Amino acid sequence: RKHYLAVGQFENFPYPGIREVLSRLQAEG
């Protein structure tokens, strides 16, 4: 976790399209 906090946690990216799915699901209540 010492190394992950320093660097590893942001060696990362949202999957393409997931933001749109979340937004749509949220907007539908």
mmCIF file of all heavy atoms, coordinates in Angstrom:
data_MODEL
# 
_entry.id   MODEL 
# 
loop_
_atom_site.group_PDB 
_atom_site.id 
_atom_site.type_symbol 
_atom_site.label_atom_id 
_atom_site.label_alt_id 
_atom_site.label_comp_id 
_atom_site.label_asym_id 
_atom_site.label_entity_id 
_atom_site.label_seq_id 
_atom_site.pdbx_PDB_ins_code 
_atom_site.Cartn_x 
_atom_site.Cartn_y 
_atom_site.Cartn_z 
_atom_site.occupancy 
_atom_site.B_iso_or_equiv 
_atom_site.pdbx_formal_charge 
_atom_site.auth_seq_id 
_atom_site.auth_comp_id 
_atom_site.auth_asym_id 
_atom_site.auth_atom_id 
_atom_site.pdbx_PDB_model_num 
ATOM 1   N N   . ARG A 1 1  ? 0.818   -1.213 0.000   1.00 0.00 ? 1  ARG A N   1 
ATOM 2   C CA  . ARG A 1 1  ? 0.000   0.000  0.000   1.00 0.00 ? 1  ARG A CA  1 
ATOM 3   C C   . ARG A 1 1  ? 0.853   1.266  0.000   1.00 0.00 ? 1  ARG A C   1 
ATOM 4   O O   . ARG A 1 1  ? 0.436   2.296  -0.522  1.00 0.00 ? 1  ARG A O   1 
ATOM 5   C CB  . ARG A 1 1  ? -0.974  -0.033 1.184   1.00 0.00 ? 1  ARG A CB  1 
ATOM 6   C CG  . ARG A 1 1  ? -2.101  -1.031 0.913   1.00 0.00 ? 1  ARG A CG  1 
ATOM 7   C CD  . ARG A 1 1  ? -3.185  -1.014 1.928   1.00 0.00 ? 1  ARG A CD  1 
ATOM 8   N NE  . ARG A 1 1  ? -4.248  -1.939 1.509   1.00 0.00 ? 1  ARG A NE  1 
ATOM 9   C CZ  . ARG A 1 1  ? -5.055  -2.586 2.340   1.00 0.00 ? 1  ARG A CZ  1 
ATOM 10  N NH1 . ARG A 1 1  ? -4.932  -2.401 3.653   1.00 0.00 ? 1  ARG A NH1 1 
ATOM 11  N NH2 . ARG A 1 1  ? -5.977  -3.404 1.880   1.00 0.00 ? 1  ARG A NH2 1 
ATOM 12  N N   . LYS A 1 2  ? 2.039   1.184  0.582   1.00 0.00 ? 2  LYS A N   1 
ATOM 13  C CA  . LYS A 1 2  ? 2.939   2.336  0.542   1.00 0.00 ? 2  LYS A CA  1 
ATOM 14  C C   . LYS A 1 2  ? 3.264   2.692  -0.902  1.00 0.00 ? 2  LYS A C   1 
ATOM 15  O O   . LYS A 1 2  ? 3.210   3.871  -1.299  1.00 0.00 ? 2  LYS A O   1 
ATOM 16  C CB  . LYS A 1 2  ? 4.226   2.019  1.310   1.00 0.00 ? 2  LYS A CB  1 
ATOM 17  C CG  . LYS A 1 2  ? 5.244   3.153  1.300   1.00 0.00 ? 2  LYS A CG  1 
ATOM 18  C CD  . LYS A 1 2  ? 6.499   2.781  2.066   1.00 0.00 ? 2  LYS A CD  1 
ATOM 19  C CE  . LYS A 1 2  ? 7.304   1.723  1.312   1.00 0.00 ? 2  LYS A CE  1 
ATOM 20  N NZ  . LYS A 1 2  ? 8.593   1.439  1.980   1.00 0.00 ? 2  LYS A NZ  1 
ATOM 21  N N   . HIS A 1 3  ? 3.557   1.691  -1.708  1.00 0.00 ? 3  HIS A N   1 
ATOM 22  C CA  . HIS A 1 3  ? 3.869   1.933  -3.120  1.00 0.00 ? 3  HIS A CA  1 
ATOM 23  C C   . HIS A 1 3  ? 2.601   2.273  -3.912  1.00 0.00 ? 3  HIS A C   1 
ATOM 24  O O   . HIS A 1 3  ? 2.642   3.124  -4.809  1.00 0.00 ? 3  HIS A O   1 
ATOM 25  C CB  . HIS A 1 3  ? 4.556   0.704  -3.722  1.00 0.00 ? 3  HIS A CB  1 
ATOM 26  C CG  . HIS A 1 3  ? 5.936   0.485  -3.190  1.00 0.00 ? 3  HIS A CG  1 
ATOM 27  N ND1 . HIS A 1 3  ? 7.030   1.190  -3.635  1.00 0.00 ? 3  HIS A ND1 1 
ATOM 28  C CD2 . HIS A 1 3  ? 6.397   -0.346 -2.229  1.00 0.00 ? 3  HIS A CD2 1 
ATOM 29  C CE1 . HIS A 1 3  ? 8.115   0.794  -2.988  1.00 0.00 ? 3  HIS A CE1 1 
ATOM 30  N NE2 . HIS A 1 3  ? 7.757   -0.132 -2.126  1.00 0.00 ? 3  HIS A NE2 1 
ATOM 31  N N   . TYR A 1 4  ? 1.499   1.620  -3.556  1.00 0.00 ? 4  TYR A N   1 
ATOM 32  C CA  . TYR A 1 4  ? 0.259   1.865  -4.294  1.00 0.00 ? 4  TYR A CA  1 
ATOM 33  C C   . TYR A 1 4  ? -0.234  3.296  -4.081  1.00 0.00 ? 4  TYR A C   1 
ATOM 34  O O   . TYR A 1 4  ? -0.697  3.958  -5.020  1.00 0.00 ? 4  TYR A O   1 
ATOM 35  C CB  . TYR A 1 4  ? -0.814  0.861  -3.866  1.00 0.00 ? 4  TYR A CB  1 
ATOM 36  C CG  . TYR A 1 4  ? -2.021  0.852  -4.768  1.00 0.00 ? 4  TYR A CG  1 
ATOM 37  C CD1 . TYR A 1 4  ? -1.977  0.189  -6.005  1.00 0.00 ? 4  TYR A CD1 1 
ATOM 38  C CD2 . TYR A 1 4  ? -3.193  1.501  -4.424  1.00 0.00 ? 4  TYR A CD2 1 
ATOM 39  C CE1 . TYR A 1 4  ? -3.070  0.188  -6.856  1.00 0.00 ? 4  TYR A CE1 1 
ATOM 40  C CE2 . TYR A 1 4  ? -4.292  1.507  -5.261  1.00 0.00 ? 4  TYR A CE2 1 
ATOM 41  C CZ  . TYR A 1 4  ? -4.227  0.846  -6.477  1.00 0.00 ? 4  TYR A CZ  1 
ATOM 42  O OH  . TYR A 1 4  ? -5.311  0.848  -7.328  1.00 0.00 ? 4  TYR A OH  1 
ATOM 43  N N   . LEU A 1 5  ? -0.127  3.782  -2.856  1.00 0.00 ? 5  LEU A N   1 
ATOM 44  C CA  . LEU A 1 5  ? -0.549  5.156  -2.577  1.00 0.00 ? 5  LEU A CA  1 
ATOM 45  C C   . LEU A 1 5  ? 0.321   6.172  -3.302  1.00 0.00 ? 5  LEU A C   1 
ATOM 46  O O   . LEU A 1 5  ? -0.157  7.203  -3.752  1.00 0.00 ? 5  LEU A O   1 
ATOM 47  C CB  . LEU A 1 5  ? -0.503  5.421  -1.068  1.00 0.00 ? 5  LEU A CB  1 
ATOM 48  C CG  . LEU A 1 5  ? -1.692  4.887  -0.262  1.00 0.00 ? 5  LEU A CG  1 
ATOM 49  C CD1 . LEU A 1 5  ? -1.399  4.977  1.227   1.00 0.00 ? 5  LEU A CD1 1 
ATOM 50  C CD2 . LEU A 1 5  ? -2.964  5.645  -0.607  1.00 0.00 ? 5  LEU A CD2 1 
ATOM 51  N N   . ALA A 1 6  ? 1.608   5.855  -3.409  1.00 0.00 ? 6  ALA A N   1 
ATOM 52  C CA  . ALA A 1 6  ? 2.540   6.790  -4.043  1.00 0.00 ? 6  ALA A CA  1 
ATOM 53  C C   . ALA A 1 6  ? 2.343   6.866  -5.552  1.00 0.00 ? 6  ALA A C   1 
ATOM 54  O O   . ALA A 1 6  ? 2.391   7.945  -6.142  1.00 0.00 ? 6  ALA A O   1 
ATOM 55  C CB  . ALA A 1 6  ? 3.976   6.391  -3.718  1.00 0.00 ? 6  ALA A CB  1 
ATOM 56  N N   . VAL A 1 7  ? 2.127   5.722  -6.178  1.00 0.00 ? 7  VAL A N   1 
ATOM 57  C CA  . VAL A 1 7  ? 2.099   5.685  -7.644  1.00 0.00 ? 7  VAL A CA  1 
ATOM 58  C C   . VAL A 1 7  ? 0.946   4.844  -8.192  1.00 0.00 ? 7  VAL A C   1 
ATOM 59  O O   . VAL A 1 7  ? 0.213   5.264  -9.092  1.00 0.00 ? 7  VAL A O   1 
ATOM 60  C CB  . VAL A 1 7  ? 3.437   5.117  -8.199  1.00 0.00 ? 7  VAL A CB  1 
ATOM 61  C CG1 . VAL A 1 7  ? 3.380   5.041  -9.716  1.00 0.00 ? 7  VAL A CG1 1 
ATOM 62  C CG2 . VAL A 1 7  ? 4.609   5.958  -7.752  1.00 0.00 ? 7  VAL A CG2 1 
ATOM 63  N N   . GLY A 1 8  ? 0.763   3.649  -7.651  1.00 0.00 ? 8  GLY A N   1 
ATOM 64  C CA  . GLY A 1 8  ? -0.069  2.636  -8.295  1.00 0.00 ? 8  GLY A CA  1 
ATOM 65  C C   . GLY A 1 8  ? -1.522  2.978  -8.458  1.00 0.00 ? 8  GLY A C   1 
ATOM 66  O O   . GLY A 1 8  ? -2.155  2.569  -9.441  1.00 0.00 ? 8  GLY A O   1 
ATOM 67  N N   . GLN A 1 9  ? -2.096  3.746  -7.509  1.00 0.00 ? 9  GLN A N   1 
ATOM 68  C CA  . GLN A 1 9  ? -3.543  3.960  -7.563  1.00 0.00 ? 9  GLN A CA  1 
ATOM 69  C C   . GLN A 1 9  ? -3.981  4.736  -8.805  1.00 0.00 ? 9  GLN A C   1 
ATOM 70  O O   . GLN A 1 9  ? -5.125  4.619  -9.242  1.00 0.00 ? 9  GLN A O   1 
ATOM 71  C CB  . GLN A 1 9  ? -4.026  4.663  -6.299  1.00 0.00 ? 9  GLN A CB  1 
ATOM 72  C CG  . GLN A 1 9  ? -3.480  6.055  -6.082  1.00 0.00 ? 9  GLN A CG  1 
ATOM 73  C CD  . GLN A 1 9  ? -4.043  6.680  -4.809  1.00 0.00 ? 9  GLN A CD  1 
ATOM 74  O OE1 . GLN A 1 9  ? -5.226  6.543  -4.519  1.00 0.00 ? 9  GLN A OE1 1 
ATOM 75  N NE2 . GLN A 1 9  ? -3.190  7.354  -4.053  1.00 0.00 ? 9  GLN A NE2 1 
ATOM 76  N N   . PHE A 1 10 ? -3.065  5.496  -9.384  1.00 0.00 ? 10 PHE A N   1 
ATOM 77  C CA  . PHE A 1 10 ? -3.431  6.266  -10.567 1.00 0.00 ? 10 PHE A CA  1 
ATOM 78  C C   . PHE A 1 10 ? -2.874  5.660  -11.861 1.00 0.00 ? 10 PHE A C   1 
ATOM 79  O O   . PHE A 1 10 ? -2.974  6.269  -12.933 1.00 0.00 ? 10 PHE A O   1 
ATOM 80  C CB  . PHE A 1 10 ? -3.003  7.719  -10.406 1.00 0.00 ? 10 PHE A CB  1 
ATOM 81  C CG  . PHE A 1 10 ? -3.701  8.385  -9.243  1.00 0.00 ? 10 PHE A CG  1 
ATOM 82  C CD1 . PHE A 1 10 ? -2.981  9.041  -8.263  1.00 0.00 ? 10 PHE A CD1 1 
ATOM 83  C CD2 . PHE A 1 10 ? -5.076  8.317  -9.117  1.00 0.00 ? 10 PHE A CD2 1 
ATOM 84  C CE1 . PHE A 1 10 ? -3.620  9.636  -7.186  1.00 0.00 ? 10 PHE A CE1 1 
ATOM 85  C CE2 . PHE A 1 10 ? -5.733  8.908  -8.040  1.00 0.00 ? 10 PHE A CE2 1 
ATOM 86  C CZ  . PHE A 1 10 ? -5.007  9.573  -7.076  1.00 0.00 ? 10 PHE A CZ  1 
ATOM 87  N N   . GLU A 1 11 ? -2.279  4.468  -11.774 1.00 0.00 ? 11 GLU A N   1 
ATOM 88  C CA  . GLU A 1 11 ? -1.980  3.667  -12.967 1.00 0.00 ? 11 GLU A CA  1 
ATOM 89  C C   . GLU A 1 11 ? -3.277  2.924  -13.294 1.00 0.00 ? 11 GLU A C   1 
ATOM 90  O O   . GLU A 1 11 ? -3.391  1.717  -13.117 1.00 0.00 ? 11 GLU A O   1 
ATOM 91  C CB  . GLU A 1 11 ? -0.817  2.707  -12.702 1.00 0.00 ? 11 GLU A CB  1 
ATOM 92  C CG  . GLU A 1 11 ? 0.504   3.409  -12.478 1.00 0.00 ? 11 GLU A CG  1 
ATOM 93  C CD  . GLU A 1 11 ? 1.639   2.451  -12.198 1.00 0.00 ? 11 GLU A CD  1 
ATOM 94  O OE1 . GLU A 1 11 ? 1.468   1.495  -11.409 1.00 0.00 ? 11 GLU A OE1 1 
ATOM 95  O OE2 . GLU A 1 11 ? 2.725   2.652  -12.762 1.00 0.00 ? 11 GLU A OE2 1 
ATOM 96  N N   . ASN A 1 12 ? -4.256  3.645  -13.795 1.00 0.00 ? 12 ASN A N   1 
ATOM 97  C CA  . ASN A 1 12 ? -5.643  3.231  -13.707 1.00 0.00 ? 12 ASN A CA  1 
ATOM 98  C C   . ASN A 1 12 ? -6.455  4.127  -14.647 1.00 0.00 ? 12 ASN A C   1 
ATOM 99  O O   . ASN A 1 12 ? -6.068  5.265  -14.892 1.00 0.00 ? 12 ASN A O   1 
ATOM 100 C CB  . ASN A 1 12 ? -6.069  3.464  -12.240 1.00 0.00 ? 12 ASN A CB  1 
ATOM 101 C CG  . ASN A 1 12 ? -7.394  2.862  -11.872 1.00 0.00 ? 12 ASN A CG  1 
ATOM 102 O OD1 . ASN A 1 12 ? -8.079  2.267  -12.698 1.00 0.00 ? 12 ASN A OD1 1 
ATOM 103 N ND2 . ASN A 1 12 ? -7.782  3.040  -10.623 1.00 0.00 ? 12 ASN A ND2 1 
ATOM 104 N N   . PHE A 1 13 ? -7.567  3.622  -15.171 1.00 0.00 ? 13 PHE A N   1 
ATOM 105 C CA  . PHE A 1 13 ? -8.443  4.487  -15.961 1.00 0.00 ? 13 PHE A CA  1 
ATOM 106 C C   . PHE A 1 13 ? -9.853  3.897  -16.007 1.00 0.00 ? 13 PHE A C   1 
ATOM 107 O O   . PHE A 1 13 ? -10.021 2.678  -15.942 1.00 0.00 ? 13 PHE A O   1 
ATOM 108 C CB  . PHE A 1 13 ? -7.906  4.669  -17.393 1.00 0.00 ? 13 PHE A CB  1 
ATOM 109 C CG  . PHE A 1 13 ? -7.794  3.401  -18.186 1.00 0.00 ? 13 PHE A CG  1 
ATOM 110 C CD1 . PHE A 1 13 ? -8.873  2.914  -18.902 1.00 0.00 ? 13 PHE A CD1 1 
ATOM 111 C CD2 . PHE A 1 13 ? -6.601  2.689  -18.219 1.00 0.00 ? 13 PHE A CD2 1 
ATOM 112 C CE1 . PHE A 1 13 ? -8.780  1.734  -19.642 1.00 0.00 ? 13 PHE A CE1 1 
ATOM 113 C CE2 . PHE A 1 13 ? -6.494  1.505  -18.952 1.00 0.00 ? 13 PHE A CE2 1 
ATOM 114 C CZ  . PHE A 1 13 ? -7.594  1.035  -19.657 1.00 0.00 ? 13 PHE A CZ  1 
ATOM 115 N N   . PRO A 1 14 ? -10.883 4.740  -16.073 1.00 0.00 ? 14 PRO A N   1 
ATOM 116 C CA  . PRO A 1 14 ? -12.257 4.237  -16.201 1.00 0.00 ? 14 PRO A CA  1 
ATOM 117 C C   . PRO A 1 14 ? -12.429 3.509  -17.535 1.00 0.00 ? 14 PRO A C   1 
ATOM 118 O O   . PRO A 1 14 ? -11.886 3.945  -18.558 1.00 0.00 ? 14 PRO A O   1 
ATOM 119 C CB  . PRO A 1 14 ? -13.112 5.507  -16.152 1.00 0.00 ? 14 PRO A CB  1 
ATOM 120 C CG  . PRO A 1 14 ? -12.246 6.540  -15.520 1.00 0.00 ? 14 PRO A CG  1 
ATOM 121 C CD  . PRO A 1 14 ? -10.842 6.210  -15.948 1.00 0.00 ? 14 PRO A CD  1 
ATOM 122 N N   . TYR A 1 15 ? -13.180 2.430  -17.511 1.00 0.00 ? 15 TYR A N   1 
ATOM 123 C CA  . TYR A 1 15 ? -13.452 1.718  -18.759 1.00 0.00 ? 15 TYR A CA  1 
ATOM 124 C C   . TYR A 1 15 ? -14.271 2.612  -19.695 1.00 0.00 ? 15 TYR A C   1 
ATOM 125 O O   . TYR A 1 15 ? -15.192 3.318  -19.240 1.00 0.00 ? 15 TYR A O   1 
ATOM 126 C CB  . TYR A 1 15 ? -14.215 0.427  -18.485 1.00 0.00 ? 15 TYR A CB  1 
ATOM 127 C CG  . TYR A 1 15 ? -13.342 -0.672 -17.921 1.00 0.00 ? 15 TYR A CG  1 
ATOM 128 C CD1 . TYR A 1 15 ? -13.404 -0.994 -16.569 1.00 0.00 ? 15 TYR A CD1 1 
ATOM 129 C CD2 . TYR A 1 15 ? -12.447 -1.366 -18.728 1.00 0.00 ? 15 TYR A CD2 1 
ATOM 130 C CE1 . TYR A 1 15 ? -12.601 -1.993 -16.045 1.00 0.00 ? 15 TYR A CE1 1 
ATOM 131 C CE2 . TYR A 1 15 ? -11.644 -2.366 -18.206 1.00 0.00 ? 15 TYR A CE2 1 
ATOM 132 C CZ  . TYR A 1 15 ? -11.716 -2.665 -16.870 1.00 0.00 ? 15 TYR A CZ  1 
ATOM 133 O OH  . TYR A 1 15 ? -10.913 -3.648 -16.348 1.00 0.00 ? 15 TYR A OH  1 
ATOM 134 N N   . PRO A 1 16 ? -13.940 2.625  -20.976 1.00 0.00 ? 16 PRO A N   1 
ATOM 135 C CA  . PRO A 1 16 ? -14.699 3.437  -21.931 1.00 0.00 ? 16 PRO A CA  1 
ATOM 136 C C   . PRO A 1 16 ? -16.187 3.090  -21.899 1.00 0.00 ? 16 PRO A C   1 
ATOM 137 O O   . PRO A 1 16 ? -16.555 1.914  -21.981 1.00 0.00 ? 16 PRO A O   1 
ATOM 138 C CB  . PRO A 1 16 ? -14.073 3.054  -23.280 1.00 0.00 ? 16 PRO A CB  1 
ATOM 139 C CG  . PRO A 1 16 ? -12.689 2.593  -22.946 1.00 0.00 ? 16 PRO A CG  1 
ATOM 140 C CD  . PRO A 1 16 ? -12.816 1.903  -21.620 1.00 0.00 ? 16 PRO A CD  1 
ATOM 141 N N   . GLY A 1 17 ? -17.008 4.097  -21.727 1.00 0.00 ? 17 GLY A N   1 
ATOM 142 C CA  . GLY A 1 17 ? -18.453 3.902  -21.721 1.00 0.00 ? 17 GLY A CA  1 
ATOM 143 C C   . GLY A 1 17 ? -19.074 3.757  -20.351 1.00 0.00 ? 17 GLY A C   1 
ATOM 144 O O   . GLY A 1 17 ? -20.307 3.884  -20.216 1.00 0.00 ? 17 GLY A O   1 
ATOM 145 N N   . ILE A 1 18 ? -18.267 3.490  -19.316 1.00 0.00 ? 18 ILE A N   1 
ATOM 146 C CA  . ILE A 1 18 ? -18.861 3.256  -17.991 1.00 0.00 ? 18 ILE A CA  1 
ATOM 147 C C   . ILE A 1 18 ? -19.491 4.527  -17.437 1.00 0.00 ? 18 ILE A C   1 
ATOM 148 O O   . ILE A 1 18 ? -20.537 4.495  -16.788 1.00 0.00 ? 18 ILE A O   1 
ATOM 149 C CB  . ILE A 1 18 ? -17.826 2.665  -17.003 1.00 0.00 ? 18 ILE A CB  1 
ATOM 150 C CG1 . ILE A 1 18 ? -18.543 2.091  -15.772 1.00 0.00 ? 18 ILE A CG1 1 
ATOM 151 C CG2 . ILE A 1 18 ? -16.783 3.709  -16.590 1.00 0.00 ? 18 ILE A CG2 1 
ATOM 152 C CD1 . ILE A 1 18 ? -19.426 0.921  -16.021 1.00 0.00 ? 18 ILE A CD1 1 
ATOM 153 N N   . ARG A 1 19 ? -18.872 5.668  -17.714 1.00 0.00 ? 19 ARG A N   1 
ATOM 154 C CA  . ARG A 1 19 ? -19.421 6.940  -17.209 1.00 0.00 ? 19 ARG A CA  1 
ATOM 155 C C   . ARG A 1 19 ? -20.827 7.178  -17.771 1.00 0.00 ? 19 ARG A C   1 
ATOM 156 O O   . ARG A 1 19 ? -21.730 7.618  -17.050 1.00 0.00 ? 19 ARG A O   1 
ATOM 157 C CB  . ARG A 1 19 ? -18.483 8.077  -17.614 1.00 0.00 ? 19 ARG A CB  1 
ATOM 158 C CG  . ARG A 1 19 ? -18.774 9.404  -16.928 1.00 0.00 ? 19 ARG A CG  1 
ATOM 159 C CD  . ARG A 1 19 ? -17.832 10.482 -17.441 1.00 0.00 ? 19 ARG A CD  1 
ATOM 160 N NE  . ARG A 1 19 ? -16.429 10.098 -17.363 1.00 0.00 ? 19 ARG A NE  1 
ATOM 161 C CZ  . ARG A 1 19 ? -15.686 10.226 -16.258 1.00 0.00 ? 19 ARG A CZ  1 
ATOM 162 N NH1 . ARG A 1 19 ? -16.222 10.729 -15.171 1.00 0.00 ? 19 ARG A NH1 1 
ATOM 163 N NH2 . ARG A 1 19 ? -14.420 9.853  -16.265 1.00 0.00 ? 19 ARG A NH2 1 
ATOM 164 N N   . GLU A 1 20 ? -21.004 6.877  -19.045 1.00 0.00 ? 20 GLU A N   1 
ATOM 165 C CA  . GLU A 1 20 ? -22.301 7.079  -19.683 1.00 0.00 ? 20 GLU A CA  1 
ATOM 166 C C   . GLU A 1 20 ? -23.358 6.131  -19.101 1.00 0.00 ? 20 GLU A C   1 
ATOM 167 O O   . GLU A 1 20 ? -24.519 6.527  -18.904 1.00 0.00 ? 20 GLU A O   1 
ATOM 168 C CB  . GLU A 1 20 ? -22.182 6.877  -21.193 1.00 0.00 ? 20 GLU A CB  1 
ATOM 169 C CG  . GLU A 1 20 ? -21.410 7.980  -21.915 1.00 0.00 ? 20 GLU A CG  1 
ATOM 170 C CD  . GLU A 1 20 ? -19.896 7.903  -21.710 1.00 0.00 ? 20 GLU A CD  1 
ATOM 171 O OE1 . GLU A 1 20 ? -19.393 6.848  -21.257 1.00 0.00 ? 20 GLU A OE1 1 
ATOM 172 O OE2 . GLU A 1 20 ? -19.217 8.910  -22.003 1.00 0.00 ? 20 GLU A OE2 1 
ATOM 173 N N   . VAL A 1 21 ? -22.963 4.899  -18.820 1.00 0.00 ? 21 VAL A N   1 
ATOM 174 C CA  . VAL A 1 21 ? -23.895 3.936  -18.217 1.00 0.00 ? 21 VAL A CA  1 
ATOM 175 C C   . VAL A 1 21 ? -24.322 4.419  -16.833 1.00 0.00 ? 21 VAL A C   1 
ATOM 176 O O   . VAL A 1 21 ? -25.513 4.408  -16.487 1.00 0.00 ? 21 VAL A O   1 
ATOM 177 C CB  . VAL A 1 21 ? -23.255 2.533  -18.129 1.00 0.00 ? 21 VAL A CB  1 
ATOM 178 C CG1 . VAL A 1 21 ? -24.121 1.597  -17.288 1.00 0.00 ? 21 VAL A CG1 1 
ATOM 179 C CG2 . VAL A 1 21 ? -23.064 1.944  -19.517 1.00 0.00 ? 21 VAL A CG2 1 
ATOM 180 N N   . LEU A 1 22 ? -23.352 4.849  -16.014 1.00 0.00 ? 22 LEU A N   1 
ATOM 181 C CA  . LEU A 1 22 ? -23.674 5.327  -14.667 1.00 0.00 ? 22 LEU A CA  1 
ATOM 182 C C   . LEU A 1 22 ? -24.592 6.549  -14.721 1.00 0.00 ? 22 LEU A C   1 
ATOM 183 O O   . LEU A 1 22 ? -25.565 6.645  -13.959 1.00 0.00 ? 22 LEU A O   1 
ATOM 184 C CB  . LEU A 1 22 ? -22.380 5.675  -13.926 1.00 0.00 ? 22 LEU A CB  1 
ATOM 185 C CG  . LEU A 1 22 ? -21.423 4.523  -13.641 1.00 0.00 ? 22 LEU A CG  1 
ATOM 186 C CD1 . LEU A 1 22 ? -20.128 5.052  -13.032 1.00 0.00 ? 22 LEU A CD1 1 
ATOM 187 C CD2 . LEU A 1 22 ? -22.060 3.481  -12.729 1.00 0.00 ? 22 LEU A CD2 1 
ATOM 188 N N   . SER A 1 23 ? -24.277 7.470  -15.610 1.00 0.00 ? 23 SER A N   1 
ATOM 189 C CA  . SER A 1 23 ? -25.074 8.680  -15.732 1.00 0.00 ? 23 SER A CA  1 
ATOM 190 C C   . SER A 1 23 ? -26.513 8.359  -16.128 1.00 0.00 ? 23 SER A C   1 
ATOM 191 O O   . SER A 1 23 ? -27.472 8.922  -15.565 1.00 0.00 ? 23 SER A O   1 
ATOM 192 C CB  . SER A 1 23 ? -24.436 9.614  -16.777 1.00 0.00 ? 23 SER A CB  1 
ATOM 193 O OG  . SER A 1 23 ? -25.208 10.779 -16.945 1.00 0.00 ? 23 SER A OG  1 
ATOM 194 N N   . ARG A 1 24 ? -26.668 7.458  -17.064 1.00 0.00 ? 24 ARG A N   1 
ATOM 195 C CA  . ARG A 1 24 ? -28.003 7.096  -17.535 1.00 0.00 ? 24 ARG A CA  1 
ATOM 196 C C   . ARG A 1 24 ? -28.805 6.384  -16.452 1.00 0.00 ? 24 ARG A C   1 
ATOM 197 O O   . ARG A 1 24 ? -29.980 6.686  -16.222 1.00 0.00 ? 24 ARG A O   1 
ATOM 198 C CB  . ARG A 1 24 ? -27.867 6.200  -18.768 1.00 0.00 ? 24 ARG A CB  1 
ATOM 199 C CG  . ARG A 1 24 ? -29.168 5.950  -19.510 1.00 0.00 ? 24 ARG A CG  1 
ATOM 200 C CD  . ARG A 1 24 ? -28.894 5.221  -20.809 1.00 0.00 ? 24 ARG A CD  1 
ATOM 201 N NE  . ARG A 1 24 ? -30.113 4.903  -21.527 1.00 0.00 ? 24 ARG A NE  1 
ATOM 202 C CZ  . ARG A 1 24 ? -30.160 4.184  -22.638 1.00 0.00 ? 24 ARG A CZ  1 
ATOM 203 N NH1 . ARG A 1 24 ? -29.033 3.718  -23.165 1.00 0.00 ? 24 ARG A NH1 1 
ATOM 204 N NH2 . ARG A 1 24 ? -31.319 3.931  -23.228 1.00 0.00 ? 24 ARG A NH2 1 
ATOM 205 N N   . LEU A 1 25 ? -28.148 5.444  -15.746 1.00 0.00 ? 25 LEU A N   1 
ATOM 206 C CA  . LEU A 1 25 ? -28.827 4.715  -14.670 1.00 0.00 ? 25 LEU A CA  1 
ATOM 207 C C   . LEU A 1 25 ? -29.251 5.664  -13.550 1.00 0.00 ? 25 LEU A C   1 
ATOM 208 O O   . LEU A 1 25 ? -30.356 5.556  -13.010 1.00 0.00 ? 25 LEU A O   1 
ATOM 209 C CB  . LEU A 1 25 ? -27.906 3.628  -14.112 1.00 0.00 ? 25 LEU A CB  1 
ATOM 210 C CG  . LEU A 1 25 ? -27.635 2.433  -15.018 1.00 0.00 ? 25 LEU A CG  1 
ATOM 211 C CD1 . LEU A 1 25 ? -26.523 1.578  -14.443 1.00 0.00 ? 25 LEU A CD1 1 
ATOM 212 C CD2 . LEU A 1 25 ? -28.904 1.598  -15.230 1.00 0.00 ? 25 LEU A CD2 1 
ATOM 213 N N   . GLN A 1 26 ? -28.376 6.601  -13.216 1.00 0.00 ? 26 GLN A N   1 
ATOM 214 C CA  . GLN A 1 26 ? -28.694 7.566  -12.166 1.00 0.00 ? 26 GLN A CA  1 
ATOM 215 C C   . GLN A 1 26 ? -29.847 8.473  -12.590 1.00 0.00 ? 26 GLN A C   1 
ATOM 216 O O   . GLN A 1 26 ? -30.777 8.729  -11.805 1.00 0.00 ? 26 GLN A O   1 
ATOM 217 C CB  . GLN A 1 26 ? -27.458 8.402  -11.834 1.00 0.00 ? 26 GLN A CB  1 
ATOM 218 C CG  . GLN A 1 26 ? -27.646 9.372  -10.676 1.00 0.00 ? 26 GLN A CG  1 
ATOM 219 C CD  . GLN A 1 26 ? -26.437 10.269 -10.498 1.00 0.00 ? 26 GLN A CD  1 
ATOM 220 O OE1 . GLN A 1 26 ? -26.083 11.037 -11.394 1.00 0.00 ? 26 GLN A OE1 1 
ATOM 221 N NE2 . GLN A 1 26 ? -25.788 10.174 -9.342  1.00 0.00 ? 26 GLN A NE2 1 
ATOM 222 N N   . ALA A 1 27 ? -29.809 8.948  -13.823 1.00 0.00 ? 27 ALA A N   1 
ATOM 223 C CA  . ALA A 1 27 ? -30.849 9.852  -14.323 1.00 0.00 ? 27 ALA A CA  1 
ATOM 224 C C   . ALA A 1 27 ? -32.224 9.184  -14.339 1.00 0.00 ? 27 ALA A C   1 
ATOM 225 O O   . ALA A 1 27 ? -33.256 9.868  -14.222 1.00 0.00 ? 27 ALA A O   1 
ATOM 226 C CB  . ALA A 1 27 ? -30.483 10.331 -15.724 1.00 0.00 ? 27 ALA A CB  1 
ATOM 227 N N   . GLU A 1 28 ? -32.227 7.871  -14.464 1.00 0.00 ? 28 GLU A N   1 
ATOM 228 C CA  . GLU A 1 28 ? -33.498 7.126  -14.488 1.00 0.00 ? 28 GLU A CA  1 
ATOM 229 C C   . GLU A 1 28 ? -34.029 6.834  -13.091 1.00 0.00 ? 28 GLU A C   1 
ATOM 230 O O   . GLU A 1 28 ? -35.071 6.176  -12.943 1.00 0.00 ? 28 GLU A O   1 
ATOM 231 C CB  . GLU A 1 28 ? -33.301 5.826  -15.278 1.00 0.00 ? 28 GLU A CB  1 
ATOM 232 C CG  . GLU A 1 28 ? -33.079 6.068  -16.765 1.00 0.00 ? 28 GLU A CG  1 
ATOM 233 C CD  . GLU A 1 28 ? -32.657 4.810  -17.515 1.00 0.00 ? 28 GLU A CD  1 
ATOM 234 O OE1 . GLU A 1 28 ? -32.392 3.787  -16.857 1.00 0.00 ? 28 GLU A OE1 1 
ATOM 235 O OE2 . GLU A 1 28 ? -32.590 4.876  -18.752 1.00 0.00 ? 28 GLU A OE2 1 
ATOM 236 N N   . GLY A 1 29 ? -33.318 7.309  -12.061 1.00 0.00 ? 29 GLY A N   1 
ATOM 237 C CA  . GLY A 1 29 ? -33.816 7.175  -10.693 1.00 0.00 ? 29 GLY A CA  1 
ATOM 238 C C   . GLY A 1 29 ? -33.307 5.983  -9.922  1.00 0.00 ? 29 GLY A C   1 
ATOM 239 O O   . GLY A 1 29 ? -33.766 5.718  -8.801  1.00 0.00 ? 29 GLY A O   1 
# 
